[in-house]
N, C-alpha and C. Protein backbone atom coordinates (compact mmCIF):
# COMPACT_ATOMS: atom_id res chain seq x y z
N UNK A 1 30.14 32.13 34.67
CA UNK A 1 30.90 31.16 33.33
C UNK A 1 31.21 29.33 34.22
N UNK A 2 31.90 29.88 35.64
CA UNK A 2 31.81 28.33 36.19
C UNK A 2 31.36 28.55 37.50
N UNK A 3 30.48 27.58 37.92
CA UNK A 3 29.89 27.41 39.28
C UNK A 3 29.86 26.08 40.03
N UNK A 4 30.92 26.31 40.71
CA UNK A 4 31.26 25.01 41.58
C UNK A 4 30.54 24.81 42.96
N UNK A 5 29.99 23.66 43.20
CA UNK A 5 29.51 23.61 44.23
C UNK A 5 29.93 23.48 45.48
N UNK A 6 30.55 24.20 46.23
CA UNK A 6 31.61 24.02 47.25
C UNK A 6 30.50 22.86 48.56
N UNK A 7 29.92 22.72 48.94
CA UNK A 7 28.94 21.28 49.44
C UNK A 7 28.98 20.10 48.69
N UNK A 8 28.47 20.01 47.31
CA UNK A 8 28.50 18.84 46.73
C UNK A 8 29.87 18.58 46.22
N UNK A 9 30.56 19.29 45.87
CA UNK A 9 31.68 18.97 44.55
C UNK A 9 31.21 18.43 43.33
N UNK A 10 30.39 19.10 42.74
CA UNK A 10 29.70 19.04 41.42
C UNK A 10 29.86 20.09 41.12
N UNK A 11 31.00 20.07 39.52
CA UNK A 11 31.05 21.56 39.19
C UNK A 11 30.04 21.40 37.72
N UNK A 12 29.48 22.75 37.83
CA UNK A 12 28.22 23.15 36.87
C UNK A 12 29.53 23.74 35.79
N UNK A 13 29.64 23.48 34.57
CA UNK A 13 30.38 24.63 33.29
C UNK A 13 30.05 24.43 32.13
N UNK A 14 30.38 25.86 31.96
CA UNK A 14 30.40 25.80 30.23
C UNK A 14 31.59 25.67 29.49
N UNK A 15 32.68 25.72 30.26
CA UNK A 15 33.85 25.47 29.79
C UNK A 15 33.94 23.52 29.90
N UNK A 16 34.50 23.35 28.22
CA UNK A 16 34.44 21.84 28.22
C UNK A 16 35.84 21.27 28.74
N UNK A 17 36.80 22.18 28.35
CA UNK A 17 37.66 21.74 28.89
C UNK A 17 37.79 21.45 30.45
N UNK A 18 37.56 22.10 30.77
CA UNK A 18 37.20 21.84 32.94
C UNK A 18 36.41 20.33 32.80
N UNK A 19 35.62 20.22 31.93
CA UNK A 19 34.84 19.38 32.08
C UNK A 19 35.37 17.97 31.71
N UNK A 20 36.05 17.98 30.40
CA UNK A 20 37.13 17.19 29.87
C UNK A 20 38.21 16.59 31.11
N UNK A 21 39.17 17.71 31.74
CA UNK A 21 39.81 17.22 32.80
C UNK A 21 38.93 16.07 34.48
N UNK A 22 37.90 16.34 34.31
CA UNK A 22 36.64 15.21 35.31
C UNK A 22 36.90 13.90 34.40
N UNK A 23 36.25 14.24 33.25
CA UNK A 23 36.30 12.90 32.65
C UNK A 23 37.84 12.06 32.24
N UNK A 24 38.92 12.52 32.34
CA UNK A 24 40.71 12.35 32.00
C UNK A 24 40.51 11.67 33.65
N UNK A 25 40.04 11.93 34.31
CA UNK A 25 39.96 12.07 35.97
C UNK A 25 39.21 10.84 36.32
N UNK A 26 38.71 9.99 35.36
CA UNK A 26 38.36 8.66 35.66
C UNK A 26 36.13 9.29 36.74
N UNK A 27 35.84 10.53 35.99
CA UNK A 27 34.49 10.75 37.15
C UNK A 27 33.46 10.61 35.99
N UNK A 28 32.36 11.43 36.94
CA UNK A 28 31.20 10.77 36.45
C UNK A 28 30.70 12.01 35.78
N UNK A 29 30.28 12.46 34.88
CA UNK A 29 29.53 13.85 34.24
C UNK A 29 28.11 13.99 33.74
N UNK A 30 27.73 14.50 33.59
CA UNK A 30 26.16 14.78 32.95
C UNK A 30 26.73 15.99 31.30
N UNK A 31 26.11 15.63 30.23
CA UNK A 31 26.36 16.32 29.48
C UNK A 31 25.31 16.52 28.31
N UNK A 32 25.09 17.36 27.56
CA UNK A 32 23.93 17.66 26.63
C UNK A 32 23.79 16.54 25.46
N UNK A 33 23.39 15.63 24.99
CA UNK A 33 22.96 15.22 23.95
C UNK A 33 22.04 15.97 22.76
N UNK A 34 21.91 15.47 21.75
CA UNK A 34 21.03 16.09 20.71
C UNK A 34 19.73 16.18 20.86
N UNK A 35 18.96 14.83 22.55
CA UNK A 35 17.77 15.27 22.33
C UNK A 35 17.58 15.40 24.46
N UNK A 36 18.40 15.04 24.80
CA UNK A 36 18.24 15.08 26.25
C UNK A 36 19.37 14.72 26.89
N UNK A 37 19.66 14.97 28.55
CA UNK A 37 20.99 15.15 28.79
C UNK A 37 21.46 13.34 29.29
N UNK A 38 23.13 13.43 29.40
CA UNK A 38 23.15 12.37 29.40
C UNK A 38 23.99 12.62 30.38
N UNK A 39 24.08 10.98 30.87
CA UNK A 39 24.95 10.81 32.42
C UNK A 39 26.50 9.72 31.25
N UNK A 40 27.40 10.26 31.32
CA UNK A 40 28.67 9.55 30.91
C UNK A 40 30.13 9.71 31.65
N UNK A 41 30.76 9.13 31.02
CA UNK A 41 32.85 8.68 31.70
C UNK A 41 33.00 7.95 30.85
N UNK A 42 34.55 7.49 31.10
CA UNK A 42 35.49 7.36 29.88
C UNK A 42 34.64 5.94 29.86
N UNK A 43 34.63 5.27 28.76
CA UNK A 43 33.87 3.63 28.72
C UNK A 43 34.42 2.46 28.80
N UNK A 44 36.14 2.22 28.69
CA UNK A 44 36.90 1.77 29.46
C UNK A 44 37.20 1.85 31.16
N UNK A 45 36.86 3.05 31.44
CA UNK A 45 37.15 3.01 32.97
C UNK A 45 36.19 2.16 33.85
N UNK A 46 36.40 0.76 33.85
CA UNK A 46 35.24 -0.06 34.72
C UNK A 46 34.66 0.79 35.85
N UNK A 47 35.12 1.32 36.50
CA UNK A 47 34.98 2.07 38.00
C UNK A 47 33.74 2.99 38.03
N UNK A 48 34.38 4.01 37.14
CA UNK A 48 33.41 5.21 36.16
C UNK A 48 32.05 4.30 35.86
N UNK A 49 32.11 3.43 34.95
CA UNK A 49 30.53 2.87 34.56
C UNK A 49 30.45 2.33 35.50
N UNK A 50 31.06 1.63 36.37
CA UNK A 50 29.99 0.99 37.72
C UNK A 50 29.22 2.19 38.29
N UNK A 51 29.85 3.18 38.37
CA UNK A 51 28.92 4.57 38.81
C UNK A 51 27.55 5.12 38.62
N UNK A 52 27.80 5.03 36.92
CA UNK A 52 26.88 5.58 36.02
C UNK A 52 25.45 4.47 36.50
N UNK A 53 25.54 3.13 36.42
CA UNK A 53 25.05 2.31 36.55
C UNK A 53 24.49 2.52 37.73
N UNK A 54 24.95 2.48 38.68
CA UNK A 54 24.66 2.60 40.19
C UNK A 54 23.72 3.99 40.48
N UNK A 55 24.39 5.42 39.58
CA UNK A 55 23.57 6.74 39.97
C UNK A 55 22.24 6.57 39.23
N UNK A 56 21.91 5.80 38.14
CA UNK A 56 21.14 5.67 37.37
C UNK A 56 19.82 4.43 37.97
N UNK A 57 20.43 3.29 38.64
CA UNK A 57 19.93 2.17 38.77
C UNK A 57 19.69 1.51 37.54
N UNK A 58 20.55 1.10 37.08
CA UNK A 58 20.40 0.25 35.52
C UNK A 58 20.82 -0.92 35.55
N UNK A 59 20.23 -1.81 34.85
CA UNK A 59 20.27 -3.58 34.55
C UNK A 59 21.96 -3.37 34.06
N UNK A 60 23.15 -3.60 34.87
CA UNK A 60 24.36 -4.19 33.62
C UNK A 60 23.93 -4.59 32.61
N UNK A 61 23.69 -5.68 32.24
CA UNK A 61 23.12 -6.60 31.63
C UNK A 61 22.50 -6.16 30.12
N UNK A 62 21.85 -4.84 30.29
CA UNK A 62 21.32 -3.90 29.17
C UNK A 62 22.29 -3.19 28.64
N UNK A 63 23.79 -2.90 28.77
CA UNK A 63 24.63 -2.47 28.18
C UNK A 63 24.37 -0.71 28.48
N UNK A 64 25.40 -0.18 27.34
CA UNK A 64 25.75 0.97 27.76
C UNK A 64 25.85 1.94 25.90
N UNK A 65 25.42 2.59 25.93
CA UNK A 65 25.47 3.38 24.59
C UNK A 65 26.51 3.90 24.76
N UNK A 66 27.64 4.20 23.29
CA UNK A 66 28.84 4.82 23.71
C UNK A 66 29.38 5.82 22.46
N UNK A 67 29.04 7.33 23.10
CA UNK A 67 29.01 7.72 21.57
C UNK A 67 30.45 8.47 21.21
N UNK A 68 30.49 9.38 20.52
CA UNK A 68 31.95 9.65 20.20
C UNK A 68 31.78 10.82 18.79
N UNK A 69 33.10 11.65 18.79
CA UNK A 69 33.12 12.62 17.51
C UNK A 69 34.12 11.90 16.76
N UNK A 70 34.38 10.56 16.67
CA UNK A 70 35.32 9.61 15.59
C UNK A 70 34.71 8.04 15.98
N UNK A 71 34.49 7.76 14.90
CA UNK A 71 34.78 6.16 15.22
C UNK A 71 35.69 5.59 15.56
N UNK A 72 36.70 6.05 15.00
CA UNK A 72 38.16 5.85 14.54
C UNK A 72 38.82 5.53 16.35
N UNK A 73 38.26 6.16 17.54
CA UNK A 73 38.53 6.14 19.23
C UNK A 73 37.79 4.80 19.27
N UNK A 74 36.75 4.62 18.99
CA UNK A 74 36.75 3.07 19.87
C UNK A 74 36.01 1.73 18.54
N UNK A 75 37.16 2.13 17.25
CA UNK A 75 36.97 0.85 16.08
C UNK A 75 37.70 -0.69 16.67
N UNK A 76 38.43 -0.32 17.32
CA UNK A 76 38.67 -1.81 18.16
C UNK A 76 38.09 -2.67 19.09
N UNK A 77 36.78 -2.08 19.09
CA UNK A 77 35.81 -2.86 20.20
C UNK A 77 34.81 -2.79 18.58
N UNK A 78 34.61 -2.95 17.72
CA UNK A 78 34.13 -3.23 16.67
C UNK A 78 34.53 -4.22 16.01
N UNK A 79 34.00 -4.96 15.22
CA UNK A 79 33.78 -5.64 14.21
C UNK A 79 33.98 -5.58 12.83
N UNK A 80 34.84 -6.42 12.03
CA UNK A 80 34.92 -5.39 10.85
C UNK A 80 33.38 -5.48 10.21
N UNK A 81 33.17 -4.61 9.41
CA UNK A 81 31.59 -4.90 8.67
C UNK A 81 31.83 -4.81 7.22
N UNK A 82 31.08 -5.53 6.75
CA UNK A 82 30.99 -5.68 4.86
C UNK A 82 30.87 -4.09 4.84
N UNK A 83 31.31 -3.23 3.76
CA UNK A 83 31.59 -1.89 3.38
C UNK A 83 29.69 -1.66 3.17
N UNK A 84 28.91 -2.65 2.97
CA UNK A 84 27.85 -1.83 2.48
C UNK A 84 26.64 -1.59 3.76
N UNK A 85 27.14 -2.77 4.72
CA UNK A 85 26.58 -2.30 6.36
C UNK A 85 27.32 -1.23 7.03
N UNK A 86 28.46 -0.96 7.06
CA UNK A 86 28.43 0.03 7.55
C UNK A 86 28.71 1.38 6.74
N UNK A 87 28.10 1.28 5.64
CA UNK A 87 27.44 2.11 5.18
C UNK A 87 26.16 3.05 5.63
N UNK A 88 25.72 2.03 6.06
CA UNK A 88 24.60 1.99 6.64
C UNK A 88 24.58 3.50 8.13
N UNK A 89 25.60 3.02 8.48
CA UNK A 89 25.76 3.52 9.69
C UNK A 89 26.28 5.18 9.61
N UNK A 90 27.17 5.10 8.27
CA UNK A 90 28.09 6.57 8.11
C UNK A 90 26.83 7.30 7.24
N UNK A 91 25.90 6.85 7.04
CA UNK A 91 24.52 7.60 5.97
C UNK A 91 23.93 8.31 7.06
N UNK A 92 24.11 8.29 8.49
CA UNK A 92 23.13 8.93 9.55
C UNK A 92 24.03 9.30 10.54
N UNK A 93 25.39 10.02 10.04
CA UNK A 93 26.46 10.00 11.10
C UNK A 93 26.94 11.23 10.40
N UNK A 94 27.57 12.32 11.12
CA UNK A 94 27.16 12.41 12.96
C UNK A 94 25.73 13.22 13.12
N UNK A 95 25.13 12.66 13.42
CA UNK A 95 23.47 12.55 13.87
C UNK A 95 23.11 11.54 15.02
N UNK A 96 21.24 11.93 15.27
CA UNK A 96 21.22 10.62 16.41
C UNK A 96 20.57 9.89 16.43
N UNK A 97 21.41 9.36 15.80
CA UNK A 97 20.96 7.59 15.39
C UNK A 97 22.22 6.77 16.03
N UNK A 98 21.59 5.71 16.79
CA UNK A 98 22.60 4.77 17.59
C UNK A 98 22.35 3.44 16.56
N UNK A 99 23.41 2.87 16.82
CA UNK A 99 23.20 1.77 15.88
C UNK A 99 23.95 0.19 16.72
N UNK A 100 23.30 -0.89 16.81
CA UNK A 100 23.98 -1.79 17.18
C UNK A 100 24.91 -2.57 16.80
N UNK A 101 26.29 -2.29 16.84
CA UNK A 101 26.99 -3.10 16.18
C UNK A 101 27.64 -4.25 16.88
N UNK A 102 27.93 -5.28 15.92
CA UNK A 102 28.94 -6.65 16.66
C UNK A 102 29.96 -6.10 17.33
N UNK A 103 30.25 -6.56 18.39
CA UNK A 103 31.33 -6.59 18.92
C UNK A 103 32.36 -7.36 19.12
N UNK A 104 33.71 -6.44 19.12
CA UNK A 104 34.52 -7.47 19.05
C UNK A 104 35.02 -8.27 20.71
N UNK A 105 35.60 -9.18 20.58
CA UNK A 105 36.13 -10.08 21.82
C UNK A 105 36.77 -8.92 22.76
N UNK A 106 37.41 -7.81 22.36
CA UNK A 106 38.21 -7.31 23.20
C UNK A 106 37.19 -5.96 23.55
N UNK A 107 35.53 -5.76 23.66
CA UNK A 107 35.36 -5.10 24.31
C UNK A 107 34.44 -5.16 25.26
N UNK A 108 34.96 -4.39 26.70
CA UNK A 108 34.66 -4.73 27.60
C UNK A 108 33.10 -4.95 27.82
N UNK A 109 33.01 -5.99 28.76
CA UNK A 109 31.81 -6.69 28.81
C UNK A 109 30.76 -5.70 29.43
N UNK A 110 31.27 -4.55 30.61
CA UNK A 110 29.98 -3.74 31.10
C UNK A 110 29.54 -2.67 30.27
N UNK A 111 29.95 -2.59 28.58
CA UNK A 111 29.63 -1.72 27.63
C UNK A 111 28.48 -2.29 26.98
N UNK A 112 28.60 -3.77 26.60
CA UNK A 112 27.91 -4.31 26.05
C UNK A 112 26.71 -5.10 26.71
N UNK A 113 26.95 -5.62 28.20
CA UNK A 113 25.69 -6.09 29.11
C UNK A 113 25.85 -7.27 28.46
N UNK A 114 24.47 -7.82 28.71
CA UNK A 114 24.06 -9.56 28.32
C UNK A 114 24.38 -9.70 26.77
N UNK A 115 24.87 -8.69 25.92
CA UNK A 115 24.75 -8.53 24.08
C UNK A 115 25.19 -8.57 23.77
N UNK A 116 25.62 -9.53 22.32
CA UNK A 116 26.90 -9.46 21.58
C UNK A 116 27.51 -8.08 20.36
N UNK A 117 25.98 -7.34 20.83
CA UNK A 117 26.44 -5.82 19.59
C UNK A 117 26.99 -4.47 20.78
N UNK A 118 27.34 -3.74 20.71
CA UNK A 118 27.56 -2.85 21.37
C UNK A 118 27.17 -1.50 20.66
N UNK A 119 26.23 -0.64 21.41
CA UNK A 119 25.42 0.57 21.08
C UNK A 119 26.27 1.79 20.71
N UNK A 120 26.67 2.21 19.54
CA UNK A 120 27.71 3.26 19.07
C UNK A 120 26.78 4.36 18.19
N UNK A 121 27.23 5.48 18.40
CA UNK A 121 26.78 7.05 17.92
C UNK A 121 27.72 7.76 17.58
N UNK A 122 28.21 8.31 16.36
CA UNK A 122 29.13 9.21 16.07
C UNK A 122 27.61 10.91 16.31
N UNK A 123 27.75 11.46 17.50
CA UNK A 123 27.40 12.48 17.58
C UNK A 123 27.06 13.69 16.91
N UNK A 124 26.47 14.37 16.49
CA UNK A 124 26.71 15.91 15.82
C UNK A 124 26.31 17.06 16.72
N UNK A 125 25.64 16.43 17.84
CA UNK A 125 26.38 18.10 19.30
C UNK A 125 27.53 18.23 19.36
N UNK A 126 27.75 19.67 18.99
CA UNK A 126 29.52 19.79 18.82
C UNK A 126 29.79 20.20 19.76
N UNK A 127 29.25 20.12 21.15
CA UNK A 127 29.90 20.69 22.51
C UNK A 127 30.11 19.48 23.04
N UNK A 128 29.69 18.07 22.46
CA UNK A 128 29.72 16.85 23.71
C UNK A 128 31.48 16.47 21.59
N UNK A 129 30.91 16.67 20.72
CA UNK A 129 31.77 16.71 20.25
C UNK A 129 33.47 17.23 20.47
N UNK A 130 33.56 18.47 20.87
CA UNK A 130 34.47 19.19 21.36
C UNK A 130 34.84 18.48 22.68
N UNK A 131 34.16 18.21 23.63
CA UNK A 131 33.98 17.25 24.79
C UNK A 131 35.47 15.63 24.46
N UNK A 132 34.57 15.46 23.49
CA UNK A 132 35.51 13.66 23.26
C UNK A 132 36.93 13.71 22.57
N UNK A 133 36.90 15.48 22.25
CA UNK A 133 38.13 15.45 21.18
C UNK A 133 39.45 16.53 22.55
N UNK A 134 38.29 17.16 23.39
CA UNK A 134 39.34 18.18 24.40
C UNK A 134 40.28 16.52 25.59
N UNK A 135 38.71 14.94 25.68
CA UNK A 135 38.67 14.32 26.69
C UNK A 135 39.73 13.42 26.02
N UNK A 136 40.26 13.05 24.95
CA UNK A 136 40.73 12.55 23.76
C UNK A 136 39.93 10.92 24.21
N UNK A 137 38.97 10.96 23.93
CA UNK A 137 38.26 9.85 24.62
C UNK A 137 36.59 9.94 23.94
N UNK A 138 36.00 8.65 23.65
CA UNK A 138 34.48 8.33 23.57
C UNK A 138 33.89 8.53 25.06
N UNK A 139 32.46 8.66 24.52
CA UNK A 139 31.80 9.07 25.69
C UNK A 139 30.43 7.71 26.61
N UNK A 140 30.53 7.28 27.75
CA UNK A 140 29.35 6.48 27.66
C UNK A 140 28.33 7.47 27.87
N UNK A 141 26.89 7.13 27.18
CA UNK A 141 25.98 7.78 27.39
C UNK A 141 24.61 6.96 27.30
N UNK A 142 24.38 7.51 28.70
CA UNK A 142 23.18 6.65 28.95
C UNK A 142 22.19 7.98 29.75
N UNK A 143 20.64 8.00 29.47
CA UNK A 143 20.14 9.16 29.74
C UNK A 143 20.14 9.63 31.09
N UNK A 144 19.76 10.94 31.34
CA UNK A 144 20.85 11.65 32.86
C UNK A 144 19.03 11.34 33.67
N UNK A 145 18.69 10.45 34.19
CA UNK A 145 17.33 10.09 34.92
C UNK A 145 17.50 8.64 35.71
N UNK A 146 17.46 8.82 36.44
CA UNK A 146 17.00 7.33 37.16
C UNK A 146 15.91 6.42 36.16
N UNK A 147 16.41 4.67 36.07
CA UNK A 147 15.45 4.20 35.53
C UNK A 147 14.17 4.37 36.21
N UNK A 148 13.44 4.67 34.63
CA UNK A 148 11.61 4.43 35.15
C UNK A 148 11.17 6.10 35.10
N UNK A 149 12.20 7.08 35.16
CA UNK A 149 11.92 8.86 35.34
C UNK A 149 12.40 9.37 33.96
N UNK A 150 11.68 10.56 33.61
CA UNK A 150 11.29 10.93 32.28
C UNK A 150 12.82 11.37 32.39
N UNK A 151 13.53 11.70 30.92
CA UNK A 151 15.44 11.94 31.03
C UNK A 151 15.07 13.72 31.74
N UNK A 152 15.90 14.27 32.42
CA UNK A 152 16.54 15.82 31.98
C UNK A 152 16.73 16.33 30.73
N UNK A 153 16.09 17.56 30.79
CA UNK A 153 16.58 17.96 29.63
C UNK A 153 17.51 19.41 29.47
N UNK A 154 17.69 19.86 30.68
CA UNK A 154 18.26 20.66 30.78
C UNK A 154 19.18 20.78 32.20
N UNK A 155 20.60 21.26 32.16
CA UNK A 155 21.65 21.34 33.10
C UNK A 155 20.83 21.86 34.89
N UNK A 156 20.21 22.53 34.81
CA UNK A 156 19.09 22.39 36.10
C UNK A 156 18.07 21.77 36.85
N UNK A 157 17.88 21.00 35.42
CA UNK A 157 17.40 19.75 36.17
C UNK A 157 18.25 18.24 36.37
N UNK A 158 19.17 18.65 36.10
CA UNK A 158 20.33 17.65 36.31
C UNK A 158 20.83 18.18 37.58
N UNK A 159 21.27 19.24 38.22
CA UNK A 159 21.25 19.68 39.02
C UNK A 159 20.18 19.44 40.74
N UNK A 160 19.51 19.36 40.01
CA UNK A 160 18.07 18.92 40.94
C UNK A 160 18.34 17.19 41.61
N UNK A 161 18.15 16.68 40.50
CA UNK A 161 18.37 15.32 40.84
C UNK A 161 19.79 14.42 40.85
N UNK A 162 20.58 15.08 40.59
CA UNK A 162 22.18 14.29 40.91
C UNK A 162 23.14 15.09 41.46
N UNK A 163 22.77 16.65 42.11
CA UNK A 163 23.49 17.55 42.72
C UNK A 163 24.47 16.44 43.39
N UNK A 164 25.90 16.81 43.44
CA UNK A 164 26.74 15.94 44.53
C UNK A 164 26.82 14.42 44.34
N UNK A 165 25.79 13.45 43.40
CA UNK A 165 26.16 12.21 43.22
C UNK A 165 27.16 12.03 41.90
N UNK A 166 27.34 13.21 41.02
CA UNK A 166 28.21 13.80 39.45
C UNK A 166 29.48 14.15 40.11
N UNK A 167 30.31 14.42 39.35
CA UNK A 167 31.24 15.27 39.79
C UNK A 167 31.40 16.72 38.84
N UNK A 168 30.41 16.19 37.99
CA UNK A 168 30.67 17.32 36.59
C UNK A 168 29.55 17.74 35.75
N UNK A 169 28.76 18.94 35.42
CA UNK A 169 27.81 18.90 34.20
C UNK A 169 28.34 19.93 33.21
N UNK A 170 28.48 19.78 31.97
CA UNK A 170 28.35 20.20 31.09
C UNK A 170 27.39 21.58 30.77
N UNK A 171 27.25 22.43 31.15
CA UNK A 171 26.35 23.32 30.97
C UNK A 171 26.02 24.24 29.56
N UNK A 172 25.49 23.40 28.67
CA UNK A 172 25.09 23.40 27.33
C UNK A 172 24.06 22.98 27.15
N UNK A 173 23.15 23.56 26.23
CA UNK A 173 22.06 23.42 25.72
C UNK A 173 22.01 21.95 24.86
N UNK A 174 21.15 21.01 24.93
CA UNK A 174 20.94 20.16 23.87
C UNK A 174 20.56 20.49 22.57
N UNK A 175 20.56 19.76 21.55
CA UNK A 175 20.23 19.86 20.56
C UNK A 175 19.31 20.37 19.67
N UNK A 176 17.99 20.07 20.53
CA UNK A 176 16.94 20.71 19.42
C UNK A 176 15.92 19.23 19.56
N UNK A 177 16.33 17.90 19.39
CA UNK A 177 15.52 16.53 19.23
C UNK A 177 14.18 16.36 20.22
N UNK A 178 13.75 16.27 19.46
CA UNK A 178 12.50 15.80 20.81
C UNK A 178 12.39 14.82 20.83
N UNK A 179 12.98 13.86 19.96
CA UNK A 179 13.01 12.45 21.18
C UNK A 179 14.36 11.89 21.24
N UNK A 180 14.87 10.91 22.38
CA UNK A 180 16.21 10.23 22.45
C UNK A 180 16.68 9.88 20.85
N UNK A 181 17.65 9.29 20.17
CA UNK A 181 18.33 9.04 19.37
C UNK A 181 17.56 7.49 18.97
N UNK A 182 17.22 7.16 17.66
CA UNK A 182 16.88 6.37 17.49
C UNK A 182 17.81 4.83 17.29
N UNK A 183 17.51 3.78 17.52
CA UNK A 183 18.46 2.53 17.70
C UNK A 183 18.19 1.01 16.70
N UNK A 184 18.48 1.26 16.01
CA UNK A 184 18.97 0.60 14.91
C UNK A 184 20.12 -0.96 14.81
N UNK A 185 19.93 -1.87 14.46
CA UNK A 185 21.07 -3.03 14.54
C UNK A 185 21.36 -2.63 12.81
N UNK A 186 22.67 -3.07 12.74
CA UNK A 186 23.27 -2.56 11.53
C UNK A 186 23.53 -3.67 10.75
N UNK A 187 23.59 -5.16 10.87
CA UNK A 187 23.15 -6.02 10.51
C UNK A 187 22.03 -6.61 10.05
N UNK A 188 21.07 -6.62 10.76
CA UNK A 188 19.53 -6.93 10.12
C UNK A 188 18.85 -5.66 9.13
N UNK A 189 19.22 -4.56 10.25
CA UNK A 189 18.54 -3.48 9.79
C UNK A 189 17.18 -3.17 10.83
N UNK A 190 16.95 -3.65 11.96
CA UNK A 190 16.02 -3.68 12.31
C UNK A 190 15.87 -2.47 13.40
N UNK A 191 14.92 -2.32 13.15
CA UNK A 191 14.52 -0.75 14.15
C UNK A 191 14.32 -0.95 15.80
N UNK A 192 14.63 -0.75 16.70
CA UNK A 192 14.47 -1.39 18.07
C UNK A 192 14.05 -0.07 18.94
N UNK A 193 14.42 1.26 18.08
CA UNK A 193 13.80 2.53 18.98
C UNK A 193 13.39 3.49 18.14
N UNK A 194 12.61 3.95 17.89
CA UNK A 194 12.28 5.03 16.77
C UNK A 194 12.18 4.48 15.26
N UNK A 195 12.36 5.32 14.34
CA UNK A 195 12.26 4.19 12.75
C UNK A 195 11.08 5.48 12.23
N UNK A 196 10.58 4.59 10.99
CA UNK A 196 9.71 5.56 10.19
C UNK A 196 8.39 5.51 10.47
N UNK A 197 7.93 4.25 11.23
CA UNK A 197 6.86 4.50 12.27
C UNK A 197 6.64 4.87 13.76
N UNK A 198 7.66 5.74 13.69
CA UNK A 198 7.62 6.12 15.34
C UNK A 198 6.62 6.84 15.42
C-alpha cells in the first residue's frame, strides 16, 4: 500500500491521508488528474510553489493552475462576476475544464504570474477531491514533466523522472481523459487550449 523510498525520501502511497499530511506540512507532491499527473502543493505556500516551478523549470511569469474540490476554498482570490459569466464555469464543473478568472488583489502573485487572471478548476477526479478535503486546501496543478517534455501519465513515470525531488506521490490512476484540461477565459469565452475545434 505504502512504499517509501529510504534513499530519496519520496513517499509513494495510495493513502490519501498520508499524502495530505505532506501537503499540509508544506511539501511538494505528484498526483493524478483527469488526464495526466500533476505536480502540486498548497497554493498559499510561497516556498512550496517556488519548488514546483524550479523542479519543472517553469517560467514564473506563466502562473500556475489552482484546482480544488470546492470553489469556496479559493473564492477570496477571485473577483466577483456577473452570474451569467460564473455560470459558464459552473456548467462545466466538476470536470477537466480550467477557467481564467479575474484575480482579486489578494491573489498571490506567484499563482497568476504576469497575468490579471487566475487559472482555476473544480476537479472531478475522486482521489484529488479527497486529497483537497483531507489537506483542507486547494492544490497547485501543473503537469508533471520538465518544461518541453511530455507529461507523466502514471506513478511509475513520475518516480522515474522525479524520485528524490518531490516529497510524495499519490499512487492512483488518472481519470482517463486523453488530453489535458481545456483552458477558457471566463469573461470573453475565448478558448486558450482545447475547445470545439481542437
